[in-house]
PDB file of all heavy atoms in Angstrom:
ATOM      1  N   SER A   1       0.814  -1.215   0.000  1.00  0.00           N
ATOM      2  CA  SER A   1       0.000   0.000   0.000  1.00  0.00           C
ATOM      3  C   SER A   1       0.847   1.264   0.000  1.00  0.00           C
ATOM      4  O   SER A   1       0.338   2.356  -0.274  1.00  0.00           O
ATOM      5  CB  SER A   1      -0.909   0.016   1.229  1.00  0.00           C
ATOM      6  OG  SER A   1      -0.128   0.143   2.407  1.00  0.00           O
ATOM      7  N   GLY A   2       2.121   1.103   0.325  1.00  0.00           N
ATOM      8  CA  GLY A   2       2.987   2.275   0.466  1.00  0.00           C
ATOM      9  C   GLY A   2       2.793   2.995   1.782  1.00  0.00           C
ATOM     10  O   GLY A   2       3.441   4.003   2.040  1.00  0.00           O
ATOM     11  N   GLY A   3       1.919   2.444   2.614  1.00  0.00           N
ATOM     12  CA  GLY A   3       1.583   3.127   3.848  1.00  0.00           C
ATOM     13  C   GLY A   3       2.581   2.933   4.976  1.00  0.00           C
ATOM     14  O   GLY A   3       2.508   3.646   5.984  1.00  0.00           O
ATOM     15  N   ASP A   4       3.474   1.983   4.838  1.00  0.00           N
ATOM     16  CA  ASP A   4       4.461   1.747   5.889  1.00  0.00           C
ATOM     17  C   ASP A   4       5.821   1.519   5.263  1.00  0.00           C
ATOM     18  O   ASP A   4       5.935   0.822   4.254  1.00  0.00           O
ATOM     19  CB  ASP A   4       4.059   0.537   6.734  1.00  0.00           C
ATOM     20  CG  ASP A   4       4.863   0.443   8.015  1.00  0.00           C
ATOM     21  OD1 ASP A   4       5.456   1.463   8.420  1.00  0.00           O
ATOM     22  OD2 ASP A   4       4.899  -0.643   8.621  1.00  0.00           O
ATOM     23  N   THR A   5       6.811   2.120   5.868  1.00  0.00           N
ATOM     24  CA  THR A   5       8.185   1.950   5.419  1.00  0.00           C
ATOM     25  C   THR A   5       9.065   1.656   6.625  1.00  0.00           C
ATOM     26  O   THR A   5       8.752   2.068   7.753  1.00  0.00           O
ATOM     27  CB  THR A   5       8.715   3.211   4.707  1.00  0.00           C
ATOM     28  OG1 THR A   5       8.632   4.331   5.614  1.00  0.00           O
ATOM     29  CG2 THR A   5       7.901   3.519   3.465  1.00  0.00           C
ATOM     30  N   LYS A   6      10.144   0.960   6.384  1.00  0.00           N
ATOM     31  CA  LYS A   6      11.081   0.635   7.456  1.00  0.00           C
ATOM     32  C   LYS A   6      12.502   0.840   6.952  1.00  0.00           C
ATOM     33  O   LYS A   6      12.765   0.694   5.759  1.00  0.00           O
ATOM     34  CB  LYS A   6      10.870  -0.804   7.913  1.00  0.00           C
ATOM     35  CG  LYS A   6       9.457  -1.049   8.482  1.00  0.00           C
ATOM     36  CD  LYS A   6       9.305  -2.431   9.033  1.00  0.00           C
ATOM     37  CE  LYS A   6       7.861  -2.724   9.393  1.00  0.00           C
ATOM     38  NZ  LYS A   6       7.362  -1.825  10.458  1.00  0.00           N
ATOM     39  N   TYR A   7      13.397   1.158   7.885  1.00  0.00           N
ATOM     40  CA  TYR A   7      14.787   1.421   7.533  1.00  0.00           C
ATOM     41  C   TYR A   7      15.716   0.774   8.539  1.00  0.00           C
ATOM     42  O   TYR A   7      15.422   0.721   9.737  1.00  0.00           O
ATOM     43  CB  TYR A   7      15.047   2.929   7.525  1.00  0.00           C
ATOM     44  CG  TYR A   7      14.230   3.686   6.513  1.00  0.00           C
ATOM     45  CD1 TYR A   7      13.002   4.228   6.842  1.00  0.00           C
ATOM     46  CD2 TYR A   7      14.699   3.860   5.210  1.00  0.00           C
ATOM     47  CE1 TYR A   7      12.245   4.911   5.909  1.00  0.00           C
ATOM     48  CE2 TYR A   7      13.958   4.552   4.270  1.00  0.00           C
ATOM     49  CZ  TYR A   7      12.728   5.070   4.626  1.00  0.00           C
ATOM     50  OH  TYR A   7      11.991   5.756   3.690  1.00  0.00           O
ATOM     51  N   ALA A   8      16.847   0.321   8.039  1.00  0.00           N
ATOM     52  CA  ALA A   8      17.907  -0.114   8.932  1.00  0.00           C
ATOM     53  C   ALA A   8      18.440   1.096   9.678  1.00  0.00           C
ATOM     54  O   ALA A   8      18.447   2.218   9.146  1.00  0.00           O
ATOM     55  CB  ALA A   8      19.025  -0.785   8.134  1.00  0.00           C
ATOM     56  N   ASP A   9      18.893   0.884  10.907  1.00  0.00           N
ATOM     57  CA  ASP A   9      19.401   2.000  11.699  1.00  0.00           C
ATOM     58  C   ASP A   9      20.553   2.716  10.998  1.00  0.00           C
ATOM     59  O   ASP A   9      20.711   3.939  11.130  1.00  0.00           O
ATOM     60  CB  ASP A   9      19.872   1.499  13.066  1.00  0.00           C
ATOM     61  CG  ASP A   9      18.721   1.099  13.975  1.00  0.00           C
ATOM     62  OD1 ASP A   9      17.572   1.508  13.695  1.00  0.00           O
ATOM     63  OD2 ASP A   9      18.968   0.373  14.949  1.00  0.00           O
ATOM     64  N   SER A  10      21.341   1.971  10.241  1.00  0.00           N
ATOM     65  CA  SER A  10      22.522   2.545   9.599  1.00  0.00           C
ATOM     66  C   SER A  10      22.181   3.548   8.500  1.00  0.00           C
ATOM     67  O   SER A  10      23.027   4.344   8.090  1.00  0.00           O
ATOM     68  CB  SER A  10      23.403   1.440   9.025  1.00  0.00           C
ATOM     69  OG  SER A  10      22.673   0.655   8.094  1.00  0.00           O
ATOM     70  N   VAL A  11      20.932   3.519   7.985  1.00  0.00           N
ATOM     71  CA  VAL A  11      20.567   4.412   6.891  1.00  0.00           C
ATOM     72  C   VAL A  11      19.427   5.350   7.264  1.00  0.00           C
ATOM     73  O   VAL A  11      19.060   6.234   6.476  1.00  0.00           O
ATOM     74  CB  VAL A  11      20.191   3.624   5.618  1.00  0.00           C
ATOM     75  CG1 VAL A  11      21.288   2.648   5.248  1.00  0.00           C
ATOM     76  CG2 VAL A  11      18.857   2.900   5.788  1.00  0.00           C
ATOM     77  N   LYS A  12      18.891   5.189   8.460  1.00  0.00           N
ATOM     78  CA  LYS A  12      17.747   5.997   8.881  1.00  0.00           C
ATOM     79  C   LYS A  12      18.131   7.478   8.870  1.00  0.00           C
ATOM     80  O   LYS A  12      19.181   7.866   9.372  1.00  0.00           O
ATOM     81  CB  LYS A  12      17.308   5.567  10.274  1.00  0.00           C
ATOM     82  CG  LYS A  12      15.868   5.867  10.609  1.00  0.00           C
ATOM     83  CD  LYS A  12      15.472   5.163  11.900  1.00  0.00           C
ATOM     84  CE  LYS A  12      15.396   3.675  11.738  1.00  0.00           C
ATOM     85  NZ  LYS A  12      14.922   2.983  12.960  1.00  0.00           N
ATOM     86  N   GLY A  13      17.269   8.287   8.279  1.00  0.00           N
ATOM     87  CA  GLY A  13      17.532   9.714   8.175  1.00  0.00           C
ATOM     88  C   GLY A  13      18.328  10.104   6.946  1.00  0.00           C
ATOM     89  O   GLY A  13      18.455  11.294   6.646  1.00  0.00           O
ATOM     90  N   ARG A  14      18.878   9.128   6.234  1.00  0.00           N
ATOM     91  CA  ARG A  14      19.669   9.423   5.019  1.00  0.00           C
ATOM     92  C   ARG A  14      19.001   8.849   3.765  1.00  0.00           C
ATOM     93  O   ARG A  14      19.122   9.431   2.687  1.00  0.00           O
ATOM     94  CB  ARG A  14      21.072   8.833   5.151  1.00  0.00           C
ATOM     95  CG  ARG A  14      21.869   9.392   6.304  1.00  0.00           C
ATOM     96  CD  ARG A  14      23.329   8.920   6.254  1.00  0.00           C
ATOM     97  NE  ARG A  14      23.458   7.480   6.376  1.00  0.00           N
ATOM     98  CZ  ARG A  14      24.063   6.695   5.475  1.00  0.00           C
ATOM     99  NH1 ARG A  14      24.585   7.220   4.401  1.00  0.00           N
ATOM    100  NH2 ARG A  14      24.163   5.394   5.686  1.00  0.00           N
ATOM    101  N   PHE A  15      18.358   7.707   3.882  1.00  0.00           N
ATOM    102  CA  PHE A  15      17.730   7.037   2.734  1.00  0.00           C
ATOM    103  C   PHE A  15      16.217   7.191   2.823  1.00  0.00           C
ATOM    104  O   PHE A  15      15.636   7.224   3.910  1.00  0.00           O
ATOM    105  CB  PHE A  15      18.062   5.550   2.721  1.00  0.00           C
ATOM    106  CG  PHE A  15      19.501   5.218   2.409  1.00  0.00           C
ATOM    107  CD1 PHE A  15      20.486   6.183   2.361  1.00  0.00           C
ATOM    108  CD2 PHE A  15      19.874   3.901   2.149  1.00  0.00           C
ATOM    109  CE1 PHE A  15      21.804   5.874   2.061  1.00  0.00           C
ATOM    110  CE2 PHE A  15      21.175   3.567   1.849  1.00  0.00           C
ATOM    111  CZ  PHE A  15      22.148   4.558   1.818  1.00  0.00           C
ATOM    112  N   ILE A  16      15.594   7.269   1.660  1.00  0.00           N
ATOM    113  CA  ILE A  16      14.141   7.359   1.586  1.00  0.00           C
ATOM    114  C   ILE A  16      13.637   6.393   0.528  1.00  0.00           C
ATOM    115  O   ILE A  16      14.082   6.446  -0.631  1.00  0.00           O
ATOM    116  CB  ILE A  16      13.675   8.785   1.228  1.00  0.00           C
ATOM    117  CG1 ILE A  16      14.166   9.792   2.263  1.00  0.00           C
ATOM    118  CG2 ILE A  16      12.144   8.837   1.135  1.00  0.00           C
ATOM    119  CD1 ILE A  16      13.929  11.234   1.869  1.00  0.00           C
ATOM    120  N   ILE A  17      12.717   5.522   0.912  1.00  0.00           N
ATOM    121  CA  ILE A  17      12.111   4.593  -0.036  1.00  0.00           C
ATOM    122  C   ILE A  17      10.757   5.148  -0.463  1.00  0.00           C
ATOM    123  O   ILE A  17      10.034   5.742   0.352  1.00  0.00           O
ATOM    124  CB  ILE A  17      11.970   3.177   0.570  1.00  0.00           C
ATOM    125  CG1 ILE A  17      11.614   2.155  -0.503  1.00  0.00           C
ATOM    126  CG2 ILE A  17      10.995   3.161   1.729  1.00  0.00           C
ATOM    127  CD1 ILE A  17      11.701   0.704  -0.005  1.00  0.00           C
ATOM    128  N   SER A  18      10.424   4.971  -1.731  1.00  0.00           N
ATOM    129  CA  SER A  18       9.143   5.454  -2.226  1.00  0.00           C
ATOM    130  C   SER A  18       8.671   4.557  -3.358  1.00  0.00           C
ATOM    131  O   SER A  18       9.437   3.740  -3.882  1.00  0.00           O
ATOM    132  CB  SER A  18       9.251   6.905  -2.700  1.00  0.00           C
ATOM    133  OG  SER A  18      10.158   7.013  -3.780  1.00  0.00           O
ATOM    134  N   LYS A  19       7.422   4.768  -3.726  1.00  0.00           N
ATOM    135  CA  LYS A  19       6.814   3.883  -4.718  1.00  0.00           C
ATOM    136  C   LYS A  19       5.998   4.711  -5.698  1.00  0.00           C
ATOM    137  O   LYS A  19       5.277   5.625  -5.290  1.00  0.00           O
ATOM    138  CB  LYS A  19       5.915   2.879  -3.990  1.00  0.00           C
ATOM    139  CG  LYS A  19       5.249   1.842  -4.840  1.00  0.00           C
ATOM    140  CD  LYS A  19       4.466   0.911  -3.935  1.00  0.00           C
ATOM    141  CE  LYS A  19       3.793  -0.182  -4.725  1.00  0.00           C
ATOM    142  NZ  LYS A  19       3.028  -1.100  -3.859  1.00  0.00           N
ATOM    143  N   ASP A  20       6.119   4.397  -6.975  1.00  0.00           N
ATOM    144  CA  ASP A  20       5.309   5.023  -8.017  1.00  0.00           C
ATOM    145  C   ASP A  20       4.484   3.914  -8.662  1.00  0.00           C
ATOM    146  O   ASP A  20       5.004   3.158  -9.500  1.00  0.00           O
ATOM    147  CB  ASP A  20       6.197   5.727  -9.044  1.00  0.00           C
ATOM    148  CG  ASP A  20       5.396   6.515 -10.070  1.00  0.00           C
ATOM    149  OD1 ASP A  20       4.243   6.166 -10.335  1.00  0.00           O
ATOM    150  OD2 ASP A  20       5.954   7.489 -10.612  1.00  0.00           O
ATOM    151  N   SER A  21       3.240   3.776  -8.276  1.00  0.00           N
ATOM    152  CA  SER A  21       2.407   2.693  -8.787  1.00  0.00           C
ATOM    153  C   SER A  21       2.177   2.813 -10.288  1.00  0.00           C
ATOM    154  O   SER A  21       2.105   1.800 -10.988  1.00  0.00           O
ATOM    155  CB  SER A  21       1.066   2.680  -8.055  1.00  0.00           C
ATOM    156  OG  SER A  21       1.236   2.347  -6.700  1.00  0.00           O
ATOM    157  N   ALA A  22       2.076   4.029 -10.787  1.00  0.00           N
ATOM    158  CA  ALA A  22       1.846   4.216 -12.221  1.00  0.00           C
ATOM    159  C   ALA A  22       2.999   3.671 -13.049  1.00  0.00           C
ATOM    160  O   ALA A  22       2.805   3.167 -14.158  1.00  0.00           O
ATOM    161  CB  ALA A  22       1.617   5.690 -12.527  1.00  0.00           C
ATOM    162  N   LYS A  23       4.205   3.763 -12.490  1.00  0.00           N
ATOM    163  CA  LYS A  23       5.402   3.261 -13.195  1.00  0.00           C
ATOM    164  C   LYS A  23       5.790   1.867 -12.714  1.00  0.00           C
ATOM    165  O   LYS A  23       6.778   1.312 -13.208  1.00  0.00           O
ATOM    166  CB  LYS A  23       6.569   4.231 -13.001  1.00  0.00           C
ATOM    167  CG  LYS A  23       6.332   5.590 -13.640  1.00  0.00           C
ATOM    168  CD  LYS A  23       7.546   6.479 -13.502  1.00  0.00           C
ATOM    169  CE  LYS A  23       7.307   7.816 -14.202  1.00  0.00           C
ATOM    170  NZ  LYS A  23       8.471   8.729 -14.082  1.00  0.00           N
ATOM    171  N   ASN A  24       5.046   1.333 -11.746  1.00  0.00           N
ATOM    172  CA  ASN A  24       5.343  -0.008 -11.212  1.00  0.00           C
ATOM    173  C   ASN A  24       6.807  -0.089 -10.767  1.00  0.00           C
ATOM    174  O   ASN A  24       7.513  -1.075 -11.050  1.00  0.00           O
ATOM    175  CB  ASN A  24       5.039  -1.089 -12.251  1.00  0.00           C
ATOM    176  CG  ASN A  24       4.571  -2.395 -11.626  1.00  0.00           C
ATOM    177  OD1 ASN A  24       4.030  -2.412 -10.512  1.00  0.00           O
ATOM    178  ND2 ASN A  24       4.788  -3.490 -12.331  1.00  0.00           N
ATOM    179  N   THR A  25       7.224   0.931 -10.060  1.00  0.00           N
ATOM    180  CA  THR A  25       8.642   1.084  -9.707  1.00  0.00           C
ATOM    181  C   THR A  25       8.760   1.565  -8.258  1.00  0.00           C
ATOM    182  O   THR A  25       7.946   2.371  -7.794  1.00  0.00           O
ATOM    183  CB  THR A  25       9.321   2.103 -10.645  1.00  0.00           C
ATOM    184  OG1 THR A  25       9.258   1.608 -11.991  1.00  0.00           O
ATOM    185  CG2 THR A  25      10.782   2.318 -10.265  1.00  0.00           C
ATOM    186  N   VAL A  26       9.765   1.040  -7.585  1.00  0.00           N
ATOM    187  CA  VAL A  26      10.113   1.493  -6.240  1.00  0.00           C
ATOM    188  C   VAL A  26      11.487   2.142  -6.314  1.00  0.00           C
ATOM    189  O   VAL A  26      12.379   1.652  -7.021  1.00  0.00           O
ATOM    190  CB  VAL A  26      10.103   0.318  -5.253  1.00  0.00           C
ATOM    191  CG1 VAL A  26      10.716   0.719  -3.924  1.00  0.00           C
ATOM    192  CG2 VAL A  26       8.671  -0.171  -5.029  1.00  0.00           C
ATOM    193  N   TYR A  27      11.648   3.233  -5.575  1.00  0.00           N
ATOM    194  CA  TYR A  27      12.898   3.979  -5.585  1.00  0.00           C
ATOM    195  C   TYR A  27      13.548   3.945  -4.208  1.00  0.00           C
ATOM    196  O   TYR A  27      12.881   3.819  -3.187  1.00  0.00           O
ATOM    197  CB  TYR A  27      12.633   5.437  -5.964  1.00  0.00           C
ATOM    198  CG  TYR A  27      11.968   5.602  -7.306  1.00  0.00           C
ATOM    199  CD1 TYR A  27      10.593   5.791  -7.409  1.00  0.00           C
ATOM    200  CD2 TYR A  27      12.715   5.561  -8.477  1.00  0.00           C
ATOM    201  CE1 TYR A  27       9.973   5.930  -8.643  1.00  0.00           C
ATOM    202  CE2 TYR A  27      12.106   5.710  -9.717  1.00  0.00           C
ATOM    203  CZ  TYR A  27      10.729   5.891  -9.790  1.00  0.00           C
ATOM    204  OH  TYR A  27      10.133   6.031 -11.014  1.00  0.00           O
ATOM    205  N   LEU A  28      14.857   4.095  -4.213  1.00  0.00           N
ATOM    206  CA  LEU A  28      15.600   4.297  -2.974  1.00  0.00           C
ATOM    207  C   LEU A  28      16.484   5.520  -3.177  1.00  0.00           C
ATOM    208  O   LEU A  28      17.472   5.453  -3.902  1.00  0.00           O
ATOM    209  CB  LEU A  28      16.444   3.071  -2.620  1.00  0.00           C
ATOM    210  CG  LEU A  28      17.163   3.154  -1.272  1.00  0.00           C
ATOM    211  CD1 LEU A  28      16.140   3.120  -0.126  1.00  0.00           C
ATOM    212  CD2 LEU A  28      18.169   2.018  -1.106  1.00  0.00           C
ATOM    213  N   GLN A  29      16.080   6.618  -2.554  1.00  0.00           N
ATOM    214  CA  GLN A  29      16.872   7.839  -2.592  1.00  0.00           C
ATOM    215  C   GLN A  29      17.912   7.767  -1.485  1.00  0.00           C
ATOM    216  O   GLN A  29      17.561   7.642  -0.312  1.00  0.00           O
ATOM    217  CB  GLN A  29      15.977   9.059  -2.390  1.00  0.00           C
ATOM    218  CG  GLN A  29      16.725  10.374  -2.360  1.00  0.00           C
ATOM    219  CD  GLN A  29      17.340  10.739  -3.705  1.00  0.00           C
ATOM    220  OE1 GLN A  29      16.716  10.564  -4.740  1.00  0.00           O
ATOM    221  NE2 GLN A  29      18.575  11.219  -3.671  1.00  0.00           N
ATOM    222  N   MET A  30      19.173   7.825  -1.871  1.00  0.00           N
ATOM    223  CA  MET A  30      20.264   7.682  -0.917  1.00  0.00           C
ATOM    224  C   MET A  30      21.021   9.005  -0.846  1.00  0.00           C
ATOM    225  O   MET A  30      21.600   9.449  -1.848  1.00  0.00           O
ATOM    226  CB  MET A  30      21.194   6.551  -1.335  1.00  0.00           C
ATOM    227  CG  MET A  30      20.471   5.223  -1.567  1.00  0.00           C
ATOM    228  SD  MET A  30      21.584   3.833  -1.812  1.00  0.00           S
ATOM    229  CE  MET A  30      22.396   4.324  -3.326  1.00  0.00           C
ATOM    230  N   ASN A  31      21.000   9.629   0.316  1.00  0.00           N
ATOM    231  CA  ASN A  31      21.661  10.904   0.540  1.00  0.00           C
ATOM    232  C   ASN A  31      22.776  10.760   1.567  1.00  0.00           C
ATOM    233  O   ASN A  31      22.809   9.773   2.314  1.00  0.00           O
ATOM    234  CB  ASN A  31      20.644  11.938   1.027  1.00  0.00           C
ATOM    235  CG  ASN A  31      19.494  12.140   0.059  1.00  0.00           C
ATOM    236  OD1 ASN A  31      19.691  12.206  -1.151  1.00  0.00           O
ATOM    237  ND2 ASN A  31      18.290  12.249   0.584  1.00  0.00           N
ATOM    238  N   SER A  32      23.645  11.739   1.599  1.00  0.00           N
ATOM    239  CA  SER A  32      24.756  11.750   2.572  1.00  0.00           C
ATOM    240  C   SER A  32      25.478  10.412   2.584  1.00  0.00           C
ATOM    241  O   SER A  32      25.728   9.833   3.647  1.00  0.00           O
ATOM    242  CB  SER A  32      24.219  12.079   3.971  1.00  0.00           C
ATOM    243  OG  SER A  32      23.545  13.319   3.979  1.00  0.00           O
ATOM    244  N   LEU A  33      25.816   9.944   1.422  1.00  0.00           N
ATOM    245  CA  LEU A  33      26.425   8.622   1.303  1.00  0.00           C
ATOM    246  C   LEU A  33      27.783   8.565   1.962  1.00  0.00           C
ATOM    247  O   LEU A  33      28.551   9.544   1.953  1.00  0.00           O
ATOM    248  CB  LEU A  33      26.503   8.216  -0.161  1.00  0.00           C
ATOM    249  CG  LEU A  33      25.160   7.747  -0.760  1.00  0.00           C
ATOM    250  CD1 LEU A  33      25.203   7.798  -2.274  1.00  0.00           C
ATOM    251  CD2 LEU A  33      24.840   6.352  -0.272  1.00  0.00           C
TER     252      LEU A  33
END
């Protein structure tokens, strides 16, 4: 549903997971690598 997301402690606050149902694609935005 996209309603819940979880993160490993090592990436929390830096990575963002999201979903585009129209494109049938999930993304992982990785910042402050």
